[in-house]
C-alpha cells in the first residue's frame, strides 16, 4: 500500500547507497533502510576527509590552490571552537575551514573562519552569534 501525501511535487530523493528513488518526504530508504539527508546534500570523502557536501569540496579545492599560490596559509579543515559564557561551556562550534589571510598592506595577517552554507539553520545562527560575542570571531559564509 503506497502512502500518498497531499501537495507532493512528484520529485524523488535518491538514496546515496543503493541509488533507489524514494518519496520526497521519506527519511529512510524504502529499499535498504539508509537514512536520507535532510537538506539533500551528498557527503563526499576526499584525501581522508569527509565533507558534508559537494559545494564544500569545491571550496576546499579553491582554498588549496590559494594556499599553493601563497595567498593564504595555515589551512585547517573542520576547526573546533569551544564557546564558553562565564567559564561555563555552552557548546562547540565546528567550522568548515580556518586559515590565515596574508596581507601585505597590513603587517601580519588575520584569521578567517569560513562556513559553506546551503541553508541557514537556527542552530547555526545562534552559534555564529555566540562566536562573535565570546571569541570576537566573525564567520564568513560561502
C-alpha atoms as a PDB file:
ATOM      1  CA  UNK A   1       0.000   0.000   0.000  1.00  0.00           C
ATOM      2  CA  UNK A   2       1.538   3.297  -1.067  1.00  0.00           C
ATOM      3  CA  UNK A   3       1.305   6.390   1.083  1.00  0.00           C
ATOM      4  CA  UNK A   4       0.203   9.488  -0.802  1.00  0.00           C
ATOM      5  CA  UNK A   5       0.968  12.936   0.600  1.00  0.00           C
ATOM      6  CA  UNK A   6      -1.117  15.941  -0.369  1.00  0.00           C
ATOM      7  CA  UNK A   7       0.803  18.615  -2.197  1.00  0.00           C
ATOM      8  CA  UNK A   8       3.514  16.263  -3.420  1.00  0.00           C
ATOM      9  CA  UNK A   9       5.573  17.671  -6.277  1.00  0.00           C
ATOM     10  CA  UNK A  10       6.422  14.294  -7.772  1.00  0.00           C
ATOM     11  CA  UNK A  11      10.132  14.730  -7.073  1.00  0.00           C
ATOM     12  CA  UNK A  12      12.101  11.906  -5.530  1.00  0.00           C
ATOM     13  CA  UNK A  13      15.033  11.639  -3.131  1.00  0.00           C
ATOM     14  CA  UNK A  14      17.835   9.350  -4.262  1.00  0.00           C
ATOM     15  CA  UNK A  15      19.464   7.022  -1.742  1.00  0.00           C
ATOM     16  CA  UNK A  16      23.262   7.530  -1.588  1.00  0.00           C
ATOM     17  CA  UNK A  17      23.909   3.818  -1.010  1.00  0.00           C
ATOM     18  CA  UNK A  18      21.567   1.905  -3.358  1.00  0.00           C
ATOM     19  CA  UNK A  19      20.512   4.811  -5.667  1.00  0.00           C
ATOM     20  CA  UNK A  20      16.825   3.897  -5.246  1.00  0.00           C
ATOM     21  CA  UNK A  21      14.266   6.667  -5.708  1.00  0.00           C
ATOM     22  CA  UNK A  22      12.231   7.402  -2.569  1.00  0.00           C
ATOM     23  CA  UNK A  23       9.309   9.655  -1.792  1.00  0.00           C
ATOM     24  CA  UNK A  24      10.208  13.332  -1.375  1.00  0.00           C
ATOM     25  CA  UNK A  25       9.284  13.286   2.347  1.00  0.00           C
ATOM     26  CA  UNK A  26      10.867   9.926   3.176  1.00  0.00           C
ATOM     27  CA  UNK A  27      13.504   9.923   5.923  1.00  0.00           C
ATOM     28  CA  UNK A  28      14.762   6.387   5.251  1.00  0.00           C
ATOM     29  CA  UNK A  29      15.334   4.495   2.014  1.00  0.00           C
ATOM     30  CA  UNK A  30      12.484   2.081   1.299  1.00  0.00           C
ATOM     31  CA  UNK A  31      14.904  -0.452  -0.233  1.00  0.00           C
ATOM     32  CA  UNK A  32      17.986  -0.560   2.025  1.00  0.00           C
ATOM     33  CA  UNK A  33      16.918   1.448   5.105  1.00  0.00           C
ATOM     34  CA  UNK A  34      19.705   4.054   4.773  1.00  0.00           C
ATOM     35  CA  UNK A  35      18.958   7.422   6.419  1.00  0.00           C
ATOM     36  CA  UNK A  36      18.349  10.093   3.777  1.00  0.00           C
ATOM     37  CA  UNK A  37      19.854  13.567   4.021  1.00  0.00           C
ATOM     38  CA  UNK A  38      17.561  16.273   5.368  1.00  0.00           C
ATOM     39  CA  UNK A  39      18.914  19.005   3.062  1.00  0.00           C
ATOM     40  CA  UNK A  40      19.670  16.703   0.076  1.00  0.00           C
ATOM     41  CA  UNK A  41      23.420  17.084   0.398  1.00  0.00           C
ATOM     42  CA  UNK A  42      25.768  14.293  -0.610  1.00  0.00           C
ATOM     43  CA  UNK A  43      28.674  13.500   1.720  1.00  0.00           C
ATOM     44  CA  UNK A  44      31.993  13.317  -0.119  1.00  0.00           C
ATOM     45  CA  UNK A  45      35.239  11.723   1.073  1.00  0.00           C
ATOM     46  CA  UNK A  46      38.490  13.179  -0.274  1.00  0.00           C
ATOM     47  CA  UNK A  47      42.080  12.797   0.958  1.00  0.00           C
ATOM     48  CA  UNK A  48      40.790  11.016   4.074  1.00  0.00           C
ATOM     49  CA  UNK A  49      38.492  13.931   4.998  1.00  0.00           C
ATOM     50  CA  UNK A  50      34.702  13.631   4.935  1.00  0.00           C
ATOM     51  CA  UNK A  51      32.955  16.745   3.671  1.00  0.00           C
ATOM     52  CA  UNK A  52      29.243  17.421   4.151  1.00  0.00           C
ATOM     53  CA  UNK A  53      28.564  18.495   0.558  1.00  0.00           C
ATOM     54  CA  UNK A  54      29.967  18.771  -2.953  1.00  0.00           C
ATOM     55  CA  UNK A  55      29.955  22.563  -2.553  1.00  0.00           C
ATOM     56  CA  UNK A  56      32.265  22.227   0.474  1.00  0.00           C
ATOM     57  CA  UNK A  57      34.702  20.066  -1.525  1.00  0.00           C
ATOM     58  CA  UNK A  58      34.751  22.684  -4.281  1.00  0.00           C
ATOM     59  CA  UNK A  59      35.623  25.406  -1.765  1.00  0.00           C
ATOM     60  CA  UNK A  60      38.325  23.163  -0.260  1.00  0.00           C
ATOM     61  CA  UNK A  61      39.949  22.782  -3.676  1.00  0.00           C
ATOM     62  CA  UNK A  62      39.827  26.583  -4.188  1.00  0.00           C
ATOM     63  CA  UNK A  63      41.480  27.150  -0.804  1.00  0.00           C
ATOM     64  CA  UNK A  64      44.172  24.572  -1.582  1.00  0.00           C
ATOM     65  CA  UNK A  65      45.016  26.469  -4.775  1.00  0.00           C
ATOM     66  CA  UNK A  66      45.080  29.769  -2.846  1.00  0.00           C
ATOM     67  CA  UNK A  67      47.449  28.216  -0.295  1.00  0.00           C
ATOM     68  CA  UNK A  68      49.663  26.872  -3.076  1.00  0.00           C
ATOM     69  CA  UNK A  69      49.799  30.385  -4.624  1.00  0.00           C
ATOM     70  CA  UNK A  70      50.718  31.940  -1.272  1.00  0.00           C
ATOM     71  CA  UNK A  71      47.502  33.955  -0.854  1.00  0.00           C
ATOM     72  CA  UNK A  72      46.592  32.150   2.390  1.00  0.00           C
ATOM     73  CA  UNK A  73      48.442  29.989   4.906  1.00  0.00           C
ATOM     74  CA  UNK A  74      47.680  27.515   7.695  1.00  0.00           C
ATOM     75  CA  UNK A  75      44.572  25.962   6.136  1.00  0.00           C
ATOM     76  CA  UNK A  76      42.674  23.842   8.671  1.00  0.00           C
ATOM     77  CA  UNK A  77      39.642  21.708   7.848  1.00  0.00           C
ATOM     78  CA  UNK A  78      36.829  21.420  10.408  1.00  0.00           C
ATOM     79  CA  UNK A  79      38.329  23.585  13.197  1.00  0.00           C
ATOM     80  CA  UNK A  80      36.651  23.300  16.605  1.00  0.00           C
ATOM     81  CA  UNK A  81      35.896  26.242  18.886  1.00  0.00           C
ATOM     82  CA  UNK A  82      34.666  25.842  22.471  1.00  0.00           C
ATOM     83  CA  UNK A  83      32.101  28.523  23.232  1.00  0.00           C
ATOM     84  CA  UNK A  84      32.025  29.493  26.921  1.00  0.00           C
ATOM     85  CA  UNK A  85      29.973  32.049  28.808  1.00  0.00           C
ATOM     86  CA  UNK A  86      31.101  32.893  32.384  1.00  0.00           C
ATOM     87  CA  UNK A  87      33.584  29.970  32.261  1.00  0.00           C
ATOM     88  CA  UNK A  88      30.666  27.616  31.521  1.00  0.00           C
ATOM     89  CA  UNK A  89      30.837  25.559  28.316  1.00  0.00           C
ATOM     90  CA  UNK A  90      27.777  26.332  26.203  1.00  0.00           C
ATOM     91  CA  UNK A  91      28.550  24.403  23.011  1.00  0.00           C
ATOM     92  CA  UNK A  92      31.208  23.577  20.434  1.00  0.00           C
ATOM     93  CA  UNK A  93      31.214  25.203  17.003  1.00  0.00           C
ATOM     94  CA  UNK A  94      32.795  23.196  14.180  1.00  0.00           C
ATOM     95  CA  UNK A  95      33.552  25.381  11.172  1.00  0.00           C
ATOM     96  CA  UNK A  96      34.321  24.184   7.694  1.00  0.00           C
ATOM     97  CA  UNK A  97      37.652  25.974   7.185  1.00  0.00           C
ATOM     98  CA  UNK A  98      40.086  28.172   9.082  1.00  0.00           C
ATOM     99  CA  UNK A  99      43.074  29.901   7.506  1.00  0.00           C
ATOM    100  CA  UNK A 100      45.299  32.946   7.753  1.00  0.00           C
ATOM    101  CA  UNK A 101      44.857  35.609   5.084  1.00  0.00           C
ATOM    102  CA  UNK A 102      48.213  37.042   4.046  1.00  0.00           C
ATOM    103  CA  UNK A 103      48.041  40.817   3.753  1.00  0.00           C
ATOM    104  CA  UNK A 104      50.983  42.916   2.508  1.00  0.00           C
ATOM    105  CA  UNK A 105      49.349  46.291   3.225  1.00  0.00           C
ATOM    106  CA  UNK A 106      48.962  45.490   6.925  1.00  0.00           C
ATOM    107  CA  UNK A 107      51.909  43.846   8.629  1.00  0.00           C
ATOM    108  CA  UNK A 108      50.871  40.436   9.823  1.00  0.00           C
ATOM    109  CA  UNK A 109      47.808  38.501   8.788  1.00  0.00           C
ATOM    110  CA  UNK A 110      44.295  37.880  10.036  1.00  0.00           C
ATOM    111  CA  UNK A 111      42.463  34.643  10.855  1.00  0.00           C
ATOM    112  CA  UNK A 112      39.446  33.728   8.732  1.00  0.00           C
ATOM    113  CA  UNK A 113      36.797  31.151   9.665  1.00  0.00           C
ATOM    114  CA  UNK A 114      34.523  30.005   6.839  1.00  0.00           C
ATOM    115  CA  UNK A 115      31.332  28.004   6.750  1.00  0.00           C
ATOM    116  CA  UNK A 116      29.921  26.732   3.458  1.00  0.00           C
ATOM    117  CA  UNK A 117      26.151  27.056   3.711  1.00  0.00           C
ATOM    118  CA  UNK A 118      23.353  25.687   1.609  1.00  0.00           C
ATOM    119  CA  UNK A 119      20.676  26.505   4.177  1.00  0.00           C
ATOM    120  CA  UNK A 120      20.954  28.546   7.368  1.00  0.00           C
ATOM    121  CA  UNK A 121      19.573  26.752  10.389  1.00  0.00           C
ATOM    122  CA  UNK A 122      18.523  28.356  13.670  1.00  0.00           C
ATOM    123  CA  UNK A 123      21.275  26.432  15.455  1.00  0.00           C
ATOM    124  CA  UNK A 124      23.909  27.855  13.097  1.00  0.00           C
ATOM    125  CA  UNK A 125      22.668  31.439  13.530  1.00  0.00           C
ATOM    126  CA  UNK A 126      22.841  31.072  17.316  1.00  0.00           C
ATOM    127  CA  UNK A 127      26.361  29.609  17.222  1.00  0.00           C
ATOM    128  CA  UNK A 128      27.500  32.358  14.835  1.00  0.00           C
ATOM    129  CA  UNK A 129      26.279  34.997  17.314  1.00  0.00           C
ATOM    130  CA  UNK A 130      27.985  33.171  20.208  1.00  0.00           C
ATOM    131  CA  UNK A 131      31.279  33.078  18.265  1.00  0.00           C
ATOM    132  CA  UNK A 132      31.107  36.832  17.731  1.00  0.00           C
ATOM    133  CA  UNK A 133      30.138  37.564  21.356  1.00  0.00           C
ATOM    134  CA  UNK A 134      32.517  35.213  23.174  1.00  0.00           C
ATOM    135  CA  UNK A 135      35.581  34.962  20.926  1.00  0.00           C
ATOM    136  CA  UNK A 136      35.180  38.041  18.729  1.00  0.00           C
ATOM    137  CA  UNK A 137      35.402  35.934  15.568  1.00  0.00           C
ATOM    138  CA  UNK A 138      33.111  36.636  12.615  1.00  0.00           C
ATOM    139  CA  UNK A 139      32.245  33.670  10.424  1.00  0.00           C
ATOM    140  CA  UNK A 140      32.318  34.179   6.663  1.00  0.00           C
ATOM    141  CA  UNK A 141      29.523  32.341   4.882  1.00  0.00           C
ATOM    142  CA  UNK A 142      30.229  30.936   1.447  1.00  0.00           C
END
